[in-house]
Amino acid sequence: MPTGRFSSLPAAVLAAAMTAAHAMPGMPAGHPAVSMPDRTLFELIAAGVAIHRNDPDFAYAAWMDAAQKEHNPEIAELAWQAAVASRQPGKALEAAQLWLRLDPKSEKALQTILADAVERNDQQRIVETLAKMEKALSPDDEKKGDWVERLLDVLGHTAKPGAGLQKLSDALAPYAARYPKRADIGIGYAQLLSRSGKLNLACTRAEGAIRQAPDDPELLGRAADICWPADTAKTRSLLRQYLKRHPDDSLVLLISGRVEQRLGERAQALATLDRAMKKGTKDARIALNAGQLAADLNDAARTEKFLLRYVELLKEESEEIDLSRLEVWLQMGNAALMQKAPERAAEYFHELQGGPFALQARIREALALTDTGRNDEALLVLRNARKTLPLDAAALYSAETKLLLELDRRDEAIKLINEAVEKLPSEPGVLYDAAMVEEESGNTAAAEKHLEALIKLSPNHVEALNALGYLWADGNRNLKEARELLERAYKAEPLNPFILDSMGWLCFREGRLKAAAEFTSASLKRLWDAEVSAHLVEILARDGRTAEAQRMLADYASRTSASEAKALADRLSLKLSSLPEAKE
């Protein structure tokens, strides 16, 4: 059987399955033994395929069944991993309980059972599980406290605040107290106290723990982080004391710079950052932290310099390393743009080809290229990205369409967005973009068609409800249907200024001028917009509230051009001469 596809399965698991295979009966004498996989082997293979196809639920069920039949803890561990991947705590607990029965020393299984007890705020189970962990995981040597440190490390990254976490911190107190000279356990326990809301006590415990390892920069950094929410002065004191003994420790200098940044002391933070990096670094983590601190301080040059050093150090560690998924490419690109260097920015963005930030990188790369005048290259980047990022095709169509519009290539934009509608007819974003492009081009019928299709696909799409309702109200038709759509949108987002304006314009068309003025005034209070302001001027004028209309027209004229103000005044028979000088 080829094993390449299932190479992620431990050899012992496959061996257990093969042991379960049996010889076929009834074969002629002297014939070589013929083995045929039974259900267990099938379950293992099927589960492996399911994991590769991103179906952890099926894999979990198959591995659980196989583990119970074969009494194999390694298969039970695979079932637990599948349950974790499925993000279903109940299944993870079930798999952990089976795994623990098959292997009483399975640490992750014990941690899972403890986490469930904490989640359920079950103090008795918390205490019982901790006792089981100590019995199973504590050897008879100087390393017996390691399980406590590992547990605290896990809790420091995953524990959620709540009553259960407070009970856990209380239950863990005697275990942590057994190792008073273990600074790592002391810091880990202090971090747990902090997450459970006991901030002052956490800082006190952290301060005490760091005395056991006063020259450990890693633990000092954790202690400073613990004390920060409770006592900023104590945090600074811990850092200063360390830096008196180790004035050139880059890691602690960066931590100190972060504290200064959080306190708003930008100049001092930059000085500390420069001090930390004065001699450069060969530590990739230091370079990364320096670059991120520089980014938070809005210093583009330092951000680019230190993050570029980080990338260089990673390459030095291994020439084969894949850097195409690093988020820092985005930060470096943004830093280059801040320095008015779109060419460099485009190069940085281009490096990020995979992972969750690849879409952002492609769009920013295209925008950077347009800043250099390479418009066709920018469009090609977005076009090619639809092949490499097929799941993001809708967003890429949208980005390319908007770029074409910005380049005043409207016909191409209309053709492209209609191509998108044809290929992705069930994508709400594509249908909405198509409607907006057609409406801006004066093709109201096509815009309405797209919006109607969108509302049929997604009946609660607020933007579509508002857009179609407004189009009908603006055209003074289908007013009954327009009200039904706009009331649904208004119910969903009653403070949305655009929906308020649409409601106001609908009331105007219906002749309900007082309500129209109220809705439109409410819209302008939330967001001033020239078109909405013009609506209010017209509503007031039609209602005979000329003085109010004149005042609103004066405000409109002060924010827009004289020609627009004059056109509105002439259309409504208002006096522009009585207004302040309008902008040209």
Protein backbone atom coordinates (compact mmCIF):
# COMPACT_ATOMS: atom_id res chain seq x y z
CA MET A 1 0.00 0.00 0.00
CA PRO A 2 1.45 3.42 -0.90
CA THR A 3 2.08 5.35 2.29
CA GLY A 4 2.94 8.84 0.98
CA ARG A 5 -0.57 10.19 1.40
CA PHE A 6 -0.77 8.91 4.97
CA SER A 7 2.76 9.71 6.07
CA SER A 8 1.39 11.83 8.91
CA LEU A 9 0.13 8.68 10.66
CA PRO A 10 2.58 7.35 13.25
CA ALA A 11 4.22 4.09 12.25
CA ALA A 12 2.98 2.40 15.41
CA VAL A 13 -0.60 3.23 14.50
CA LEU A 14 -0.26 1.66 11.07
CA ALA A 15 1.47 -1.30 12.68
CA ALA A 16 -1.44 -1.75 15.08
CA ALA A 17 -3.86 -1.75 12.20
CA MET A 18 -1.80 -4.22 10.19
CA THR A 19 -1.65 -6.51 13.23
CA ALA A 20 -5.42 -6.59 13.13
CA ALA A 21 -5.37 -7.86 9.53
CA HIS A 22 -6.16 -11.55 9.09
CA ALA A 23 -5.40 -14.22 6.52
CA MET A 24 -8.16 -15.09 4.13
CA PRO A 25 -9.58 -18.60 4.81
CA GLY A 26 -9.97 -21.32 2.24
CA MET A 27 -6.75 -20.75 0.27
CA PRO A 28 -5.09 -23.75 -1.39
CA ALA A 29 -2.29 -25.50 0.52
CA GLY A 30 1.09 -23.98 -0.16
CA HIS A 31 -0.38 -20.68 -1.38
CA PRO A 32 1.36 -17.60 0.08
CA ALA A 33 -0.53 -16.07 2.96
CA VAL A 34 -2.90 -13.34 1.75
CA SER A 35 -3.76 -10.54 4.15
CA MET A 36 -6.78 -8.33 3.77
CA PRO A 37 -7.31 -5.18 5.80
CA ASP A 38 -10.25 -5.36 8.15
CA ARG A 39 -12.45 -2.47 9.28
CA THR A 40 -9.76 -1.04 11.59
CA LEU A 41 -7.29 -0.51 8.79
CA PHE A 42 -10.05 0.99 6.65
CA GLU A 43 -10.93 3.41 9.45
CA LEU A 44 -7.33 4.53 9.80
CA ILE A 45 -6.94 5.14 6.08
CA ALA A 46 -10.33 6.82 5.73
CA ALA A 47 -9.57 9.06 8.71
CA GLY A 48 -6.22 10.06 7.20
CA VAL A 49 -7.95 10.97 3.94
CA ALA A 50 -10.57 12.95 5.86
CA ILE A 51 -7.90 14.98 7.64
CA HIS A 52 -6.26 15.82 4.30
CA ARG A 53 -9.68 16.88 3.02
CA ASN A 54 -10.26 19.06 6.07
CA ASP A 55 -13.02 16.87 7.50
CA PRO A 56 -11.95 16.41 11.15
CA ASP A 57 -15.42 15.25 12.24
CA PHE A 58 -15.26 12.12 10.10
CA ALA A 59 -11.64 11.50 11.13
CA TYR A 60 -12.59 11.82 14.79
CA ALA A 61 -15.38 9.25 14.52
CA ALA A 62 -13.20 6.76 12.62
CA TRP A 63 -10.20 7.10 14.92
CA MET A 64 -12.33 6.86 18.06
CA ASP A 65 -13.84 3.61 16.82
CA ALA A 66 -10.43 2.21 15.87
CA ALA A 67 -8.82 3.25 19.17
CA GLN A 68 -11.52 1.52 21.21
CA LYS A 69 -11.27 -1.71 19.23
CA GLU A 70 -7.47 -1.83 19.24
CA HIS A 71 -6.97 -0.32 22.72
CA ASN A 72 -4.28 1.84 21.14
CA PRO A 73 -3.43 5.16 22.85
CA GLU A 74 -1.70 6.54 19.74
CA ILE A 75 -4.90 6.19 17.74
CA ALA A 76 -6.80 7.79 20.63
CA GLU A 77 -4.38 10.72 20.44
CA LEU A 78 -5.18 11.10 16.74
CA ALA A 79 -8.88 11.15 17.60
CA TRP A 80 -8.17 13.87 20.18
CA GLN A 81 -6.23 15.91 17.61
CA ALA A 82 -9.13 15.61 15.15
CA ALA A 83 -11.57 16.72 17.85
CA VAL A 84 -9.42 19.76 18.64
CA ALA A 85 -9.26 20.60 14.92
CA SER A 86 -13.07 20.42 14.74
CA ARG A 87 -13.31 23.00 17.57
CA GLN A 88 -15.81 20.88 19.47
CA PRO A 89 -14.93 20.75 23.19
CA GLY A 90 -17.33 17.88 23.86
CA LYS A 91 -15.61 15.62 21.38
CA ALA A 92 -12.17 16.68 22.61
CA LEU A 93 -13.19 15.72 26.15
CA GLU A 94 -14.56 12.36 25.01
CA ALA A 95 -11.35 11.59 23.11
CA ALA A 96 -9.23 12.73 26.06
CA GLN A 97 -11.09 10.41 28.44
CA LEU A 98 -10.52 7.45 26.12
CA TRP A 99 -6.87 8.39 25.63
CA LEU A 100 -6.36 8.63 29.39
CA ARG A 101 -7.91 5.19 29.97
CA LEU A 102 -5.46 3.73 27.46
CA ASP A 103 -2.50 5.74 28.75
CA PRO A 104 -2.79 7.16 32.31
CA LYS A 105 0.26 9.38 31.66
CA SER A 106 -1.15 11.19 28.63
CA GLU A 107 -0.49 14.78 29.67
CA LYS A 108 -2.56 16.54 27.00
CA ALA A 109 -5.53 14.34 27.84
CA LEU A 110 -5.23 15.33 31.49
CA GLN A 111 -4.94 19.00 30.52
CA THR A 112 -8.09 18.70 28.39
CA ILE A 113 -10.05 17.15 31.25
CA LEU A 114 -8.81 19.88 33.59
CA ALA A 115 -9.82 22.59 31.11
CA ASP A 116 -13.33 21.14 30.97
CA ALA A 117 -13.56 21.18 34.76
CA VAL A 118 -12.44 24.82 34.79
CA GLU A 119 -14.97 25.71 32.08
CA ARG A 120 -17.73 24.07 34.14
CA ASN A 121 -16.52 25.75 37.34
CA ASP A 122 -16.33 22.30 38.97
CA GLN A 123 -13.97 22.68 41.93
CA GLN A 124 -14.05 19.02 42.95
CA ARG A 125 -13.04 17.83 39.49
CA ILE A 126 -10.32 20.51 39.34
CA VAL A 127 -8.81 19.23 42.58
CA GLU A 128 -9.14 15.56 41.56
CA THR A 129 -7.59 16.13 38.14
CA LEU A 130 -4.63 18.04 39.56
CA ALA A 131 -3.99 15.15 41.95
CA LYS A 132 -4.08 12.71 39.04
CA MET A 133 -1.66 14.89 37.09
CA GLU A 134 0.83 14.98 39.94
CA LYS A 135 0.66 11.22 40.39
CA ALA A 136 1.01 10.48 36.68
CA LEU A 137 3.49 13.14 35.62
CA SER A 138 5.80 13.76 38.57
CA PRO A 139 8.98 11.59 38.50
CA ASP A 140 11.13 10.89 41.52
CA ASP A 141 13.90 13.37 40.70
CA GLU A 142 14.65 17.06 40.54
CA LYS A 143 12.40 17.46 37.47
CA LYS A 144 9.23 16.57 39.34
CA GLY A 145 7.93 20.15 39.12
CA ASP A 146 8.15 20.32 35.33
CA TRP A 147 4.54 19.23 34.83
CA VAL A 148 3.42 22.24 36.89
CA GLU A 149 5.51 24.60 34.75
CA ARG A 150 4.16 23.08 31.53
CA LEU A 151 0.57 23.32 32.78
CA LEU A 152 1.02 26.95 33.80
CA ASP A 153 2.56 27.73 30.40
CA VAL A 154 -0.48 26.24 28.63
CA LEU A 155 -2.87 28.11 30.92
CA GLY A 156 -0.96 31.34 30.33
CA HIS A 157 -1.85 31.14 26.63
CA THR A 158 -5.33 29.60 26.72
CA ALA A 159 -7.10 30.18 30.04
CA LYS A 160 -10.22 32.34 29.88
CA PRO A 161 -11.12 34.64 32.80
CA GLY A 162 -13.99 33.41 34.93
CA ALA A 163 -15.02 31.82 38.21
CA GLY A 164 -13.53 28.47 37.17
CA LEU A 165 -10.14 30.06 36.57
CA GLN A 166 -10.20 31.60 40.05
CA LYS A 167 -10.90 28.19 41.55
CA LEU A 168 -8.08 26.71 39.50
CA SER A 169 -5.63 29.34 40.75
CA ASP A 170 -6.65 28.52 44.31
CA ALA A 171 -6.28 24.78 43.71
CA LEU A 172 -2.86 25.22 42.09
CA ALA A 173 -1.50 27.37 44.91
CA PRO A 174 -0.13 24.46 47.01
CA TYR A 175 1.50 22.87 43.95
CA ALA A 176 3.28 26.11 43.04
CA ALA A 177 4.30 26.58 46.68
CA ARG A 178 6.16 23.24 46.65
CA TYR A 179 8.79 24.75 44.33
CA PRO A 180 9.68 28.11 45.91
CA LYS A 181 13.04 28.24 44.11
CA ARG A 182 11.59 27.58 40.65
CA ALA A 183 11.28 31.08 39.16
CA ASP A 184 9.58 29.70 36.04
CA ILE A 185 6.81 28.14 38.14
CA GLY A 186 6.49 31.29 40.24
CA ILE A 187 6.13 33.48 37.15
CA GLY A 188 3.70 31.04 35.54
CA TYR A 189 1.53 31.02 38.65
CA ALA A 190 1.65 34.82 38.84
CA GLN A 191 0.48 34.96 35.22
CA LEU A 192 -2.44 32.68 36.12
CA LEU A 193 -3.35 34.96 39.02
CA SER A 194 -3.28 37.94 36.66
CA ARG A 195 -5.61 36.23 34.18
CA SER A 196 -7.99 35.38 37.02
CA GLY A 197 -8.22 39.08 37.94
CA LYS A 198 -5.93 39.16 40.99
CA LEU A 199 -3.65 41.82 39.53
CA ASN A 200 -1.94 43.16 42.65
CA LEU A 201 -1.30 39.71 44.08
CA ALA A 202 -0.01 38.57 40.69
CA CYS A 203 2.53 41.41 40.58
CA THR A 204 3.67 40.66 44.12
CA ARG A 205 4.15 36.98 43.29
CA ALA A 206 5.98 37.85 40.05
CA GLU A 207 8.30 40.21 41.89
CA GLY A 208 9.06 37.50 44.42
CA ALA A 209 9.63 34.86 41.76
CA ILE A 210 12.07 36.96 39.75
CA ARG A 211 14.34 37.19 42.81
CA GLN A 212 15.11 33.51 42.25
CA ALA A 213 16.38 34.28 38.72
CA PRO A 214 17.26 38.00 38.70
CA ASP A 215 19.38 37.75 35.56
CA ASP A 216 16.96 35.82 33.34
CA PRO A 217 15.70 38.31 30.69
CA GLU A 218 12.89 36.02 29.51
CA LEU A 219 11.36 35.65 32.95
CA LEU A 220 11.93 39.33 33.67
CA GLY A 221 9.95 40.22 30.56
CA ARG A 222 7.06 38.04 31.72
CA ALA A 223 7.21 39.58 35.20
CA ALA A 224 7.08 43.09 33.72
CA ASP A 225 4.08 42.12 31.61
CA ILE A 226 2.31 40.73 34.70
CA CYS A 227 2.96 43.86 36.77
CA TRP A 228 2.02 46.33 34.03
CA PRO A 229 -1.78 46.33 34.60
CA ALA A 230 -1.38 46.60 38.38
CA ASP A 231 1.62 48.83 38.98
CA THR A 232 3.41 50.65 36.15
CA ALA A 233 5.95 52.09 38.60
CA LYS A 234 6.86 48.59 39.78
CA THR A 235 7.20 47.48 36.15
CA ARG A 236 9.68 50.27 35.43
CA SER A 237 11.55 49.56 38.65
CA LEU A 238 12.03 45.89 37.74
CA LEU A 239 13.39 46.87 34.33
CA ARG A 240 15.68 49.59 35.66
CA GLN A 241 17.18 47.29 38.28
CA TYR A 242 17.97 44.69 35.64
CA LEU A 243 19.43 47.22 33.21
CA LYS A 244 21.77 48.57 35.89
CA ARG A 245 23.40 45.14 35.89
CA HIS A 246 22.96 44.44 32.15
CA PRO A 247 22.85 47.84 30.39
CA ASP A 248 23.21 46.36 26.89
CA ASP A 249 20.63 43.57 27.08
CA SER A 250 18.69 44.14 23.86
CA LEU A 251 15.64 42.09 24.85
CA VAL A 252 15.06 43.96 28.12
CA LEU A 253 15.80 47.31 26.47
CA LEU A 254 13.06 46.54 23.95
CA ILE A 255 10.69 45.63 26.77
CA SER A 256 11.56 48.93 28.43
CA GLY A 257 10.95 50.74 25.14
CA ARG A 258 7.55 49.09 24.89
CA VAL A 259 6.66 50.36 28.36
CA GLU A 260 7.68 53.89 27.36
CA GLN A 261 5.63 53.60 24.17
CA ARG A 262 2.56 52.55 26.16
CA LEU A 263 3.05 55.56 28.44
CA GLY A 264 3.16 57.90 25.45
CA GLU A 265 6.85 58.75 25.86
CA ARG A 266 7.67 58.43 22.15
CA ALA A 267 11.03 60.21 22.09
CA GLN A 268 12.32 58.20 25.04
CA ALA A 269 11.01 54.96 23.53
CA LEU A 270 12.83 55.66 20.26
CA ALA A 271 16.04 56.42 22.16
CA THR A 272 15.72 53.12 24.04
CA LEU A 273 15.02 51.31 20.77
CA ASP A 274 18.18 52.75 19.21
CA ARG A 275 20.15 51.77 22.30
CA ALA A 276 18.84 48.21 22.03
CA MET A 277 19.88 47.96 18.38
CA LYS A 278 23.07 50.03 18.56
CA LYS A 279 25.30 47.02 17.97
CA GLY A 280 22.89 45.33 15.61
CA THR A 281 21.72 41.82 16.34
CA LYS A 282 22.06 38.25 15.14
CA ASP A 283 18.89 37.21 16.95
CA ALA A 284 15.89 37.14 14.60
CA ARG A 285 13.45 37.50 17.48
CA ILE A 286 15.17 40.69 18.68
CA ALA A 287 15.02 42.17 15.19
CA LEU A 288 11.32 41.29 14.91
CA ASN A 289 10.47 42.86 18.26
CA ALA A 290 12.46 45.98 17.34
CA GLY A 291 10.62 46.31 14.04
CA GLN A 292 7.22 45.91 15.64
CA LEU A 293 8.03 48.46 18.33
CA ALA A 294 9.19 50.89 15.65
CA ALA A 295 5.93 50.31 13.76
CA ASP A 296 3.89 51.07 16.88
CA LEU A 297 5.93 54.25 17.29
CA ASN A 298 5.07 55.22 13.69
CA ASP A 299 8.72 55.36 12.68
CA ALA A 300 8.70 54.03 9.14
CA ALA A 301 12.46 54.07 8.53
CA ARG A 302 13.27 52.07 11.65
CA THR A 303 10.38 49.68 10.99
CA GLU A 304 11.66 48.85 7.54
CA LYS A 305 15.29 48.60 8.66
CA PHE A 306 14.70 46.24 11.58
CA LEU A 307 12.13 44.03 9.86
CA LEU A 308 14.40 43.71 6.84
CA ARG A 309 17.12 42.56 9.25
CA TYR A 310 14.67 40.01 10.66
CA VAL A 311 14.06 38.57 7.20
CA GLU A 312 17.79 38.46 6.48
CA LEU A 313 18.45 36.56 9.72
CA LEU A 314 15.77 34.02 8.90
CA LYS A 315 17.40 33.43 5.52
CA GLU A 316 20.79 33.01 7.20
CA GLU A 317 19.32 30.35 9.47
CA SER A 318 18.16 28.33 6.46
CA GLU A 319 18.38 29.01 2.75
CA GLU A 320 15.39 26.72 2.23
CA ILE A 321 13.07 28.58 4.58
CA ASP A 322 9.73 29.64 3.09
CA LEU A 323 9.11 33.31 3.87
CA SER A 324 6.13 33.73 1.55
CA ARG A 325 3.58 33.73 4.40
CA LEU A 326 5.25 36.25 6.72
CA GLU A 327 2.98 39.10 7.83
CA VAL A 328 6.02 41.37 8.22
CA TRP A 329 6.04 41.90 4.44
CA LEU A 330 2.85 43.94 4.94
CA GLN A 331 4.46 46.02 7.68
CA MET A 332 7.55 46.61 5.54
CA GLY A 333 5.43 47.60 2.57
CA ASN A 334 3.42 50.04 4.64
CA ALA A 335 6.64 51.49 6.04
CA ALA A 336 7.98 52.01 2.53
CA LEU A 337 4.76 53.77 1.50
CA MET A 338 5.06 56.09 4.49
CA GLN A 339 8.50 57.02 3.17
CA LYS A 340 7.01 57.71 -0.28
CA ALA A 341 8.77 54.71 -1.82
CA PRO A 342 6.00 52.81 -3.65
CA GLU A 343 8.54 50.85 -5.72
CA ARG A 344 9.99 49.23 -2.60
CA ALA A 345 6.52 48.81 -1.15
CA ALA A 346 5.35 46.87 -4.21
CA GLU A 347 8.38 44.59 -3.93
CA TYR A 348 7.69 43.86 -0.26
CA PHE A 349 3.99 43.21 -0.84
CA HIS A 350 4.88 40.88 -3.72
CA GLU A 351 6.87 38.65 -1.37
CA LEU A 352 3.76 37.71 0.62
CA GLN A 353 2.13 35.03 -1.53
CA GLY A 354 0.35 32.72 0.90
CA GLY A 355 -1.51 32.58 4.19
CA PRO A 356 -4.32 34.72 5.59
CA PHE A 357 -2.76 38.02 4.51
CA ALA A 358 -2.10 37.16 0.86
CA LEU A 359 -5.26 38.94 -0.34
CA GLN A 360 -4.28 42.16 1.44
CA ALA A 361 -0.81 41.88 -0.05
CA ARG A 362 -2.12 41.55 -3.62
CA ILE A 363 -4.43 44.55 -3.29
CA ARG A 364 -1.73 46.69 -1.69
CA GLU A 365 0.81 45.59 -4.29
CA ALA A 366 -1.56 46.72 -7.02
CA LEU A 367 -2.14 50.09 -5.36
CA ALA A 368 1.59 50.62 -4.88
CA LEU A 369 2.17 49.87 -8.56
CA THR A 370 -0.44 52.45 -9.57
CA ASP A 371 1.43 54.99 -7.44
CA THR A 372 4.42 54.37 -9.70
CA GLY A 373 2.32 54.74 -12.85
CA ARG A 374 2.46 51.03 -13.69
CA ASN A 375 -1.29 50.69 -14.04
CA ASP A 376 -1.40 47.71 -16.37
CA GLU A 377 0.97 45.78 -14.09
CA ALA A 378 -1.29 46.57 -11.16
CA LEU A 379 -4.33 45.21 -12.98
CA LEU A 380 -2.36 42.11 -13.98
CA VAL A 381 -1.43 41.46 -10.34
CA LEU A 382 -5.10 41.37 -9.37
CA ARG A 383 -6.03 39.30 -12.42
CA ASN A 384 -3.36 36.67 -11.75
CA ALA A 385 -4.27 36.55 -8.08
CA ARG A 386 -7.70 35.20 -8.99
CA LYS A 387 -5.89 32.03 -10.10
CA THR A 388 -3.61 31.68 -7.07
CA LEU A 389 -6.25 32.78 -4.54
CA PRO A 390 -9.49 31.32 -5.97
CA LEU A 391 -11.33 31.60 -2.64
CA ASP A 392 -10.76 35.37 -2.72
CA ALA A 393 -11.93 35.82 -6.30
CA ALA A 394 -14.89 38.00 -5.32
CA ALA A 395 -12.74 40.48 -3.39
CA LEU A 396 -10.19 40.54 -6.22
CA TYR A 397 -12.86 41.24 -8.84
CA SER A 398 -14.08 44.09 -6.63
CA ALA A 399 -10.59 45.53 -6.21
CA GLU A 400 -9.85 45.38 -9.94
CA THR A 401 -13.21 46.95 -10.81
CA LYS A 402 -12.63 49.84 -8.41
CA LEU A 403 -9.13 50.34 -9.76
CA LEU A 404 -10.47 50.51 -13.32
CA LEU A 405 -12.99 53.13 -12.22
CA GLU A 406 -10.26 55.18 -10.56
CA LEU A 407 -8.30 54.99 -13.80
CA ASP A 408 -11.41 56.28 -15.65
CA ARG A 409 -11.74 53.04 -17.60
CA ARG A 410 -15.45 52.67 -16.94
CA ASP A 411 -16.32 50.43 -19.88
CA GLU A 412 -13.68 47.91 -18.81
CA ALA A 413 -14.96 48.08 -15.25
CA ILE A 414 -18.53 47.33 -16.33
CA LYS A 415 -17.36 44.42 -18.50
CA LEU A 416 -15.25 43.00 -15.68
CA ILE A 417 -17.90 43.20 -12.96
CA ASN A 418 -20.45 41.57 -15.25
CA GLU A 419 -17.94 38.79 -15.89
CA ALA A 420 -17.72 38.43 -12.12
CA VAL A 421 -21.51 38.19 -11.84
CA GLU A 422 -21.55 35.47 -14.49
CA LYS A 423 -18.83 33.44 -12.78
CA LEU A 424 -19.87 34.13 -9.17
CA PRO A 425 -23.65 34.62 -9.28
CA SER A 426 -24.07 33.71 -5.60
CA GLU A 427 -21.51 36.17 -4.22
CA PRO A 428 -23.33 39.05 -2.48
CA GLY A 429 -20.33 41.37 -2.73
CA VAL A 430 -20.05 40.88 -6.48
CA LEU A 431 -23.75 41.57 -7.06
CA TYR A 432 -23.64 44.71 -4.91
CA ASP A 433 -20.53 46.04 -6.65
CA ALA A 434 -22.13 45.35 -10.02
CA ALA A 435 -25.22 47.31 -8.98
CA MET A 436 -23.16 50.28 -7.81
CA VAL A 437 -21.08 50.37 -11.00
CA GLU A 438 -24.16 50.23 -13.20
CA GLU A 439 -25.95 52.89 -11.16
CA GLU A 440 -22.98 55.26 -11.33
CA SER A 441 -22.90 54.69 -15.09
CA GLY A 442 -26.55 55.68 -15.41
CA ASN A 443 -27.83 52.17 -16.13
CA THR A 444 -30.50 52.10 -13.45
CA ALA A 445 -32.34 49.10 -14.88
CA ALA A 446 -29.22 46.92 -14.71
CA ALA A 447 -28.48 48.15 -11.18
CA GLU A 448 -31.99 47.25 -10.04
CA LYS A 449 -31.67 43.80 -11.62
CA HIS A 450 -28.50 43.08 -9.66
CA LEU A 451 -30.00 44.37 -6.41
CA GLU A 452 -33.15 42.31 -6.83
CA ALA A 453 -31.01 39.21 -7.40
CA LEU A 454 -28.97 40.04 -4.31
CA ILE A 455 -32.04 40.50 -2.09
CA LYS A 456 -33.45 37.21 -3.34
CA LEU A 457 -30.14 35.55 -2.46
CA SER A 458 -29.71 37.40 0.85
CA PRO A 459 -33.04 38.86 2.06
CA ASN A 460 -31.45 40.71 4.99
CA HIS A 461 -28.63 42.40 3.06
CA VAL A 462 -29.02 45.89 4.53
CA GLU A 463 -27.01 47.76 1.88
CA ALA A 464 -29.01 46.15 -0.93
CA LEU A 465 -32.34 46.88 0.75
CA ASN A 466 -31.33 50.51 1.17
CA ALA A 467 -29.91 50.88 -2.33
CA LEU A 468 -32.92 49.42 -4.15
CA GLY A 469 -35.38 51.26 -1.93
CA TYR A 470 -33.58 54.53 -2.59
CA LEU A 471 -33.43 53.96 -6.35
CA TRP A 472 -37.19 53.45 -6.45
CA ALA A 473 -37.84 56.45 -4.20
CA ASP A 474 -35.49 58.66 -6.22
CA GLY A 475 -37.27 57.61 -9.40
CA ASN A 476 -40.62 58.28 -7.70
CA ARG A 477 -41.94 54.79 -8.47
CA ASN A 478 -42.74 51.54 -6.68
CA LEU A 479 -43.09 53.63 -3.52
CA LYS A 480 -45.03 50.96 -1.63
CA GLU A 481 -42.34 48.37 -2.36
CA ALA A 482 -39.60 50.93 -1.60
CA ARG A 483 -41.12 51.54 1.86
CA GLU A 484 -41.18 47.81 2.62
CA LEU A 485 -37.47 47.50 1.75
CA LEU A 486 -36.37 50.66 3.54
CA GLU A 487 -38.29 49.86 6.71
CA ARG A 488 -36.48 46.50 6.85
CA ALA A 489 -33.15 48.29 6.44
CA TYR A 490 -34.09 50.95 9.01
CA LYS A 491 -35.14 48.31 11.54
CA ALA A 492 -31.77 46.60 11.14
CA GLU A 493 -29.66 49.80 11.35
CA PRO A 494 -31.74 52.72 12.68
CA LEU A 495 -28.72 55.01 13.10
CA ASN A 496 -27.20 54.46 9.65
CA PRO A 497 -27.03 57.96 8.08
CA PHE A 498 -27.52 56.67 4.54
CA ILE A 499 -30.63 54.73 5.51
CA LEU A 500 -31.95 57.78 7.37
CA ASP A 501 -31.51 59.84 4.20
CA SER A 502 -33.27 57.18 2.11
CA MET A 503 -36.18 57.17 4.54
CA GLY A 504 -36.31 60.95 4.37
CA TRP A 505 -36.32 60.99 0.57
CA LEU A 506 -39.03 58.33 0.48
CA CYS A 507 -41.19 60.41 2.85
CA PHE A 508 -40.59 63.41 0.57
CA ARG A 509 -41.86 61.45 -2.43
CA GLU A 510 -44.87 60.35 -0.41
CA GLY A 511 -45.65 63.98 0.50
CA ARG A 512 -44.86 63.47 4.20
CA LEU A 513 -42.66 66.54 4.39
CA LYS A 514 -42.36 66.89 8.17
CA ALA A 515 -41.19 63.28 8.55
CA ALA A 516 -38.89 63.78 5.56
CA ALA A 517 -37.18 66.75 7.24
CA GLU A 518 -36.78 64.84 10.51
CA PHE A 519 -35.16 61.79 8.91
CA THR A 520 -32.85 63.90 6.72
CA SER A 521 -31.81 66.18 9.59
CA ALA A 522 -30.98 63.09 11.66
CA SER A 523 -28.84 61.79 8.81
CA LEU A 524 -26.85 65.05 8.58
CA LYS A 525 -26.26 65.11 12.32
CA ARG A 526 -24.52 61.75 12.06
CA LEU A 527 -22.63 62.41 8.81
CA TRP A 528 -22.55 65.50 6.62
CA ASP A 529 -22.95 64.71 2.93
CA ALA A 530 -23.50 67.15 0.05
CA GLU A 531 -26.32 65.16 -1.54
CA VAL A 532 -28.13 64.71 1.78
CA SER A 533 -27.72 68.42 2.54
CA ALA A 534 -29.25 69.27 -0.85
CA HIS A 535 -32.14 66.91 -0.05
CA LEU A 536 -32.88 68.80 3.17
CA VAL A 537 -32.77 72.16 1.41
CA GLU A 538 -35.31 70.89 -1.13
CA ILE A 539 -37.55 69.30 1.50
CA LEU A 540 -37.68 72.52 3.55
CA ALA A 541 -38.29 74.65 0.48
CA ARG A 542 -41.15 72.43 -0.74
CA ASP A 543 -42.69 72.56 2.75
CA GLY A 544 -42.73 76.35 2.67
CA ARG A 545 -40.08 76.67 5.39
CA THR A 546 -38.14 79.17 3.31
CA ALA A 547 -36.07 80.76 6.08
CA GLU A 548 -34.82 77.34 7.23
CA ALA A 549 -34.17 76.36 3.63
CA GLN A 550 -32.11 79.54 3.14
CA ARG A 551 -30.01 78.76 6.23
CA MET A 552 -29.38 75.22 5.08
CA LEU A 553 -28.51 76.50 1.60
CA ALA A 554 -25.97 78.87 3.18
CA ASP A 555 -24.35 75.92 4.94
CA TYR A 556 -24.44 73.91 1.72
CA ALA A 557 -22.79 76.74 -0.22
CA SER A 558 -20.02 77.09 2.36
CA ARG A 559 -19.07 73.43 1.91
CA THR A 560 -19.48 73.03 -1.86
CA SER A 561 -18.78 75.02 -5.01
CA ALA A 562 -20.53 78.23 -6.01
CA SER A 563 -21.83 76.63 -9.20
CA GLU A 564 -23.49 73.77 -7.31
CA ALA A 565 -25.03 76.16 -4.79
CA LYS A 566 -26.32 78.44 -7.57
CA ALA A 567 -27.85 75.53 -9.48
CA LEU A 568 -29.68 74.36 -6.36
CA ALA A 569 -30.85 77.89 -5.52
CA ASP A 570 -32.15 78.48 -9.05
CA ARG A 571 -33.99 75.16 -9.13
CA LEU A 572 -35.75 75.87 -5.83
CA SER A 573 -36.24 79.62 -6.42
CA LEU A 574 -34.10 80.54 -3.40
CA LYS A 575 -31.98 83.65 -3.15
CA LEU A 576 -28.28 83.01 -3.56
CA SER A 577 -27.49 86.74 -3.24
CA SER A 578 -28.37 86.69 0.45
CA LEU A 579 -25.78 83.98 1.11
CA PRO A 580 -22.14 84.37 2.14
CA GLU A 581 -19.63 84.15 -0.68
CA ALA A 582 -19.64 80.54 -1.84
CA LYS A 583 -16.55 78.49 -2.63
CA GLU A 584 -15.47 78.19 -6.21
